[in-house]
Amino acid sequence: MTSTAVHRSADPPGDPPRLRALPDSAPSDSELVARSIDDPAQFAALFDRHATSVHRYLGRRVGELADDLLSETFLVAFRRRGAYRPEHLEVRPWLLGIATHVVHGHQRSERRRYRALARAAGRPEEHGDDPADSGDRLAAQALRGPLAAALARLKPGDRDALLLLAWGQLGYGEIAAVLDVPVGTVRSRLHRARRQTRAALGDVSPFDPTSEEDDR
């Protein structure tokens, strides 16, 4: 072994590579709500995360009014953000609950829409009808006929429970929380709403429970 090699092997090791800190993970929904109390601009991130889901739910219920009611929903949520409690409900169900209560002020419009869709059965789809979004247009066309008529005839509370489950994809406990009723009441409303829609559709309904829903 040469003296050079011996000298190199005795050299002190170089400085260890510097580790770059990982970026902070994105804040949770509940953290954003909490931060928005002192920094209202933080609430905008919740709109970015959930506006599409809430708009889709509203679009199926009230059609072209969805744009206006989406704005109203988030305005109400912003004003009530100080009362939000994450231990009671996650943010998305909370927003859908607010959206449902906003719809209550437009129940006549919702019923008129379902009746119009029922009358539209058999007519070719006209692009540009409400709702404007292509996905919601497909949902609107699927609602034409007896299903739309059945939804129009449901009691408001029964319709809320059914559509929060089917279109909002909430569980029984979440529906109970946003409607402020016991879980048993939710089950009763769902049973009644399913029975009525099933009768209107010849004993087959897209709202019939699945094995997964039975565990909710």
Protein backbone atom coordinates (compact mmCIF):
# COMPACT_ATOMS: atom_id res chain seq x y z
CA MET A 1 0.00 0.00 0.00
CA THR A 2 1.44 3.39 -0.93
CA SER A 3 1.96 6.21 1.51
CA THR A 4 -0.59 8.23 -0.45
CA ALA A 5 -3.25 5.59 0.11
CA VAL A 6 -2.42 5.45 3.81
CA HIS A 7 -2.66 9.21 4.03
CA ARG A 8 -6.06 9.26 2.27
CA SER A 9 -7.47 6.56 4.50
CA ALA A 10 -6.54 8.60 7.52
CA ASP A 11 -8.31 11.73 6.28
CA PRO A 12 -11.26 12.68 8.44
CA PRO A 13 -14.66 11.95 6.90
CA GLY A 14 -16.36 14.79 5.08
CA ASP A 15 -19.36 16.66 6.45
CA PRO A 16 -22.52 14.54 6.41
CA PRO A 17 -25.05 15.52 3.74
CA ARG A 18 -27.54 18.06 4.87
CA LEU A 19 -31.06 16.69 5.27
CA ARG A 20 -33.77 18.83 3.81
CA ALA A 21 -36.83 19.22 5.98
CA LEU A 22 -39.95 17.73 4.51
CA PRO A 23 -42.68 20.22 3.75
CA ASP A 24 -45.46 20.42 6.30
CA SER A 25 -48.45 18.27 5.41
CA ALA A 26 -51.56 20.09 4.31
CA PRO A 27 -53.77 21.15 7.22
CA SER A 28 -56.89 19.14 7.87
CA ASP A 29 -60.34 20.56 7.27
CA SER A 30 -60.92 21.13 10.98
CA GLU A 31 -57.54 22.86 11.29
CA LEU A 32 -58.50 25.20 8.46
CA VAL A 33 -61.77 26.07 10.16
CA ALA A 34 -59.92 26.77 13.42
CA ARG A 35 -57.28 28.90 11.68
CA SER A 36 -59.95 30.85 9.82
CA ILE A 37 -61.25 32.27 13.09
CA ASP A 38 -58.23 34.57 13.28
CA ASP A 39 -57.29 34.44 9.59
CA PRO A 40 -60.50 34.41 7.50
CA ALA A 41 -58.53 33.84 4.28
CA GLN A 42 -57.84 30.28 5.44
CA PHE A 43 -61.49 29.42 4.82
CA ALA A 44 -60.98 29.73 1.06
CA ALA A 45 -59.11 26.41 1.05
CA LEU A 46 -62.26 24.65 2.27
CA PHE A 47 -64.14 26.02 -0.72
CA ASP A 48 -61.44 24.66 -3.02
CA ARG A 49 -61.67 21.23 -1.40
CA HIS A 50 -65.43 20.81 -1.15
CA ALA A 51 -67.17 23.13 -3.60
CA THR A 52 -67.42 20.49 -6.34
CA SER A 53 -69.01 17.91 -4.02
CA VAL A 54 -71.47 20.38 -2.53
CA HIS A 55 -72.35 21.80 -5.97
CA ARG A 56 -73.03 18.32 -7.35
CA TYR A 57 -75.40 17.60 -4.45
CA LEU A 58 -77.18 20.93 -4.91
CA GLY A 59 -77.31 20.53 -8.69
CA ARG A 60 -79.17 17.25 -8.40
CA ARG A 61 -81.67 18.82 -6.03
CA VAL A 62 -82.29 22.28 -7.46
CA GLY A 63 -80.65 22.30 -10.89
CA GLU A 64 -79.57 25.70 -12.17
CA LEU A 65 -80.06 27.27 -8.73
CA ALA A 66 -77.02 25.32 -7.54
CA ASP A 67 -74.58 28.14 -8.30
CA ASP A 68 -76.46 30.61 -6.12
CA LEU A 69 -77.10 28.13 -3.33
CA LEU A 70 -73.46 27.04 -3.33
CA SER A 71 -72.43 30.62 -2.59
CA GLU A 72 -75.09 30.88 0.10
CA THR A 73 -73.99 27.58 1.66
CA PHE A 74 -70.38 28.67 2.04
CA LEU A 75 -71.40 32.11 3.25
CA VAL A 76 -73.51 30.51 6.00
CA ALA A 77 -70.65 28.12 6.82
CA PHE A 78 -68.20 31.01 7.06
CA ARG A 79 -70.47 32.90 9.42
CA ARG A 80 -70.97 29.80 11.58
CA ARG A 81 -67.35 28.62 11.56
CA GLY A 82 -66.87 29.64 15.17
CA ALA A 83 -69.54 27.17 16.25
CA TYR A 84 -68.11 24.23 14.28
CA ARG A 85 -67.00 21.30 16.45
CA PRO A 86 -64.90 18.61 14.70
CA GLU A 87 -65.67 16.05 17.40
CA HIS A 88 -69.32 16.15 16.36
CA LEU A 89 -69.03 16.10 12.57
CA GLU A 90 -66.48 16.28 9.79
CA VAL A 91 -66.47 19.34 7.56
CA ARG A 92 -67.94 17.81 4.38
CA PRO A 93 -71.08 16.46 6.12
CA TRP A 94 -71.34 19.78 7.96
CA LEU A 95 -71.33 21.64 4.65
CA LEU A 96 -73.88 19.27 3.13
CA GLY A 97 -76.09 19.78 6.15
CA ILE A 98 -75.93 23.54 5.65
CA ALA A 99 -76.65 23.04 1.94
CA THR A 100 -79.71 20.96 2.84
CA HIS A 101 -81.05 23.69 5.11
CA VAL A 102 -80.41 26.25 2.38
CA VAL A 103 -82.46 24.09 0.00
CA HIS A 104 -85.35 24.29 2.48
CA GLY A 105 -85.80 27.90 1.47
CA HIS A 106 -86.27 26.75 -2.11
CA GLN A 107 -88.41 23.63 -1.64
CA ARG A 108 -91.00 24.85 -4.11
CA SER A 109 -88.28 25.24 -6.73
CA GLU A 110 -86.98 21.77 -5.96
CA ARG A 111 -90.43 20.19 -6.29
CA ARG A 112 -91.12 22.13 -9.50
CA ARG A 113 -87.86 20.82 -10.93
CA TYR A 114 -88.70 17.20 -10.16
CA ARG A 115 -92.17 17.64 -11.67
CA ALA A 116 -90.68 19.19 -14.79
CA LEU A 117 -88.25 16.28 -15.09
CA ALA A 118 -91.14 13.86 -14.65
CA ARG A 119 -93.04 15.54 -17.48
CA ALA A 120 -89.88 15.49 -19.63
CA ALA A 121 -89.84 11.68 -19.71
CA GLY A 122 -89.71 10.50 -23.31
CA ARG A 123 -88.59 13.84 -24.69
CA PRO A 124 -85.07 14.07 -26.15
CA GLU A 125 -82.50 15.70 -23.92
CA GLU A 126 -81.90 19.36 -24.75
CA HIS A 127 -78.36 20.50 -24.11
CA GLY A 128 -78.34 23.62 -22.04
CA ASP A 129 -81.15 22.48 -19.75
CA ASP A 130 -80.35 22.72 -16.09
CA PRO A 131 -78.05 21.73 -14.60
CA ALA A 132 -75.33 22.95 -16.93
CA ASP A 133 -72.60 20.59 -15.82
CA SER A 134 -72.42 17.51 -18.04
CA GLY A 135 -72.35 15.09 -15.10
CA ASP A 136 -75.39 16.77 -13.60
CA ARG A 137 -77.16 16.66 -16.99
CA LEU A 138 -76.79 12.89 -16.93
CA ALA A 139 -78.16 12.80 -13.41
CA ALA A 140 -81.08 14.98 -14.49
CA GLN A 141 -81.90 12.69 -17.39
CA ALA A 142 -81.77 9.66 -15.08
CA LEU A 143 -84.29 11.45 -12.84
CA ARG A 144 -86.87 11.84 -15.58
CA GLY A 145 -90.13 10.02 -15.23
CA PRO A 146 -91.55 8.18 -12.21
CA LEU A 147 -88.44 8.64 -10.04
CA ALA A 148 -88.59 12.43 -10.27
CA ALA A 149 -92.32 12.35 -9.59
CA ALA A 150 -91.74 10.13 -6.55
CA LEU A 151 -89.11 12.48 -5.15
CA ALA A 152 -91.46 15.42 -5.58
CA ARG A 153 -94.10 13.61 -3.50
CA LEU A 154 -91.82 12.77 -0.57
CA LYS A 155 -92.10 14.68 2.68
CA PRO A 156 -89.23 17.19 2.94
CA GLY A 157 -87.62 15.41 5.90
CA ASP A 158 -87.82 12.04 4.17
CA ARG A 159 -86.37 13.50 0.98
CA ASP A 160 -83.52 15.14 2.91
CA ALA A 161 -82.53 11.88 4.58
CA LEU A 162 -82.76 9.89 1.36
CA LEU A 163 -80.74 12.32 -0.75
CA LEU A 164 -78.08 12.95 1.90
CA LEU A 165 -77.56 9.19 1.91
CA ALA A 166 -77.72 8.60 -1.85
CA TRP A 167 -76.25 11.81 -3.25
CA GLY A 168 -74.33 13.19 -0.27
CA GLN A 169 -72.95 9.73 0.58
CA LEU A 170 -73.39 10.30 4.30
CA GLY A 171 -73.84 7.59 6.89
CA TYR A 172 -76.85 7.31 9.19
CA GLY A 173 -75.04 8.95 12.10
CA GLU A 174 -73.90 11.86 9.94
CA ILE A 175 -77.41 12.37 8.58
CA ALA A 176 -78.77 12.36 12.13
CA ALA A 177 -76.20 14.98 13.13
CA VAL A 178 -76.82 17.36 10.23
CA LEU A 179 -80.62 17.08 10.53
CA ASP A 180 -80.48 17.18 14.33
CA VAL A 181 -82.66 14.09 14.78
CA PRO A 182 -82.04 10.68 16.38
CA VAL A 183 -80.57 7.90 14.24
CA GLY A 184 -83.81 5.98 14.71
CA THR A 185 -85.68 8.83 13.04
CA VAL A 186 -83.26 8.71 10.12
CA ARG A 187 -83.92 5.00 9.70
CA SER A 188 -87.67 5.56 9.78
CA ARG A 189 -87.46 8.33 7.20
CA LEU A 190 -85.26 6.26 4.91
CA HIS A 191 -87.57 3.26 5.19
CA ARG A 192 -90.60 5.39 4.31
CA ALA A 193 -88.85 7.18 1.43
CA ARG A 194 -87.54 3.93 -0.05
CA ARG A 195 -90.95 2.31 0.20
CA GLN A 196 -92.58 5.18 -1.67
CA THR A 197 -89.94 5.37 -4.41
CA ARG A 198 -90.01 1.60 -4.81
CA ALA A 199 -93.78 1.66 -5.24
CA ALA A 200 -93.47 4.37 -7.88
CA LEU A 201 -90.85 2.42 -9.81
CA GLY A 202 -92.46 -0.98 -9.93
CA ASP A 203 -90.86 -2.48 -6.81
CA VAL A 204 -87.32 -1.54 -7.88
CA SER A 205 -85.55 1.56 -6.58
CA PRO A 206 -82.00 2.94 -6.93
CA PHE A 207 -82.32 3.96 -3.29
CA ASP A 208 -82.76 0.45 -1.91
CA PRO A 209 -80.24 -0.31 0.87
CA THR A 210 -77.09 -2.34 0.33
CA SER A 211 -75.40 -4.62 2.82
CA GLU A 212 -72.81 -1.87 3.45
CA GLU A 213 -75.51 0.66 4.33
CA ASP A 214 -77.05 -1.70 6.85
CA ASP A 215 -73.94 -1.25 9.00
CA ARG A 216 -73.94 2.53 8.98
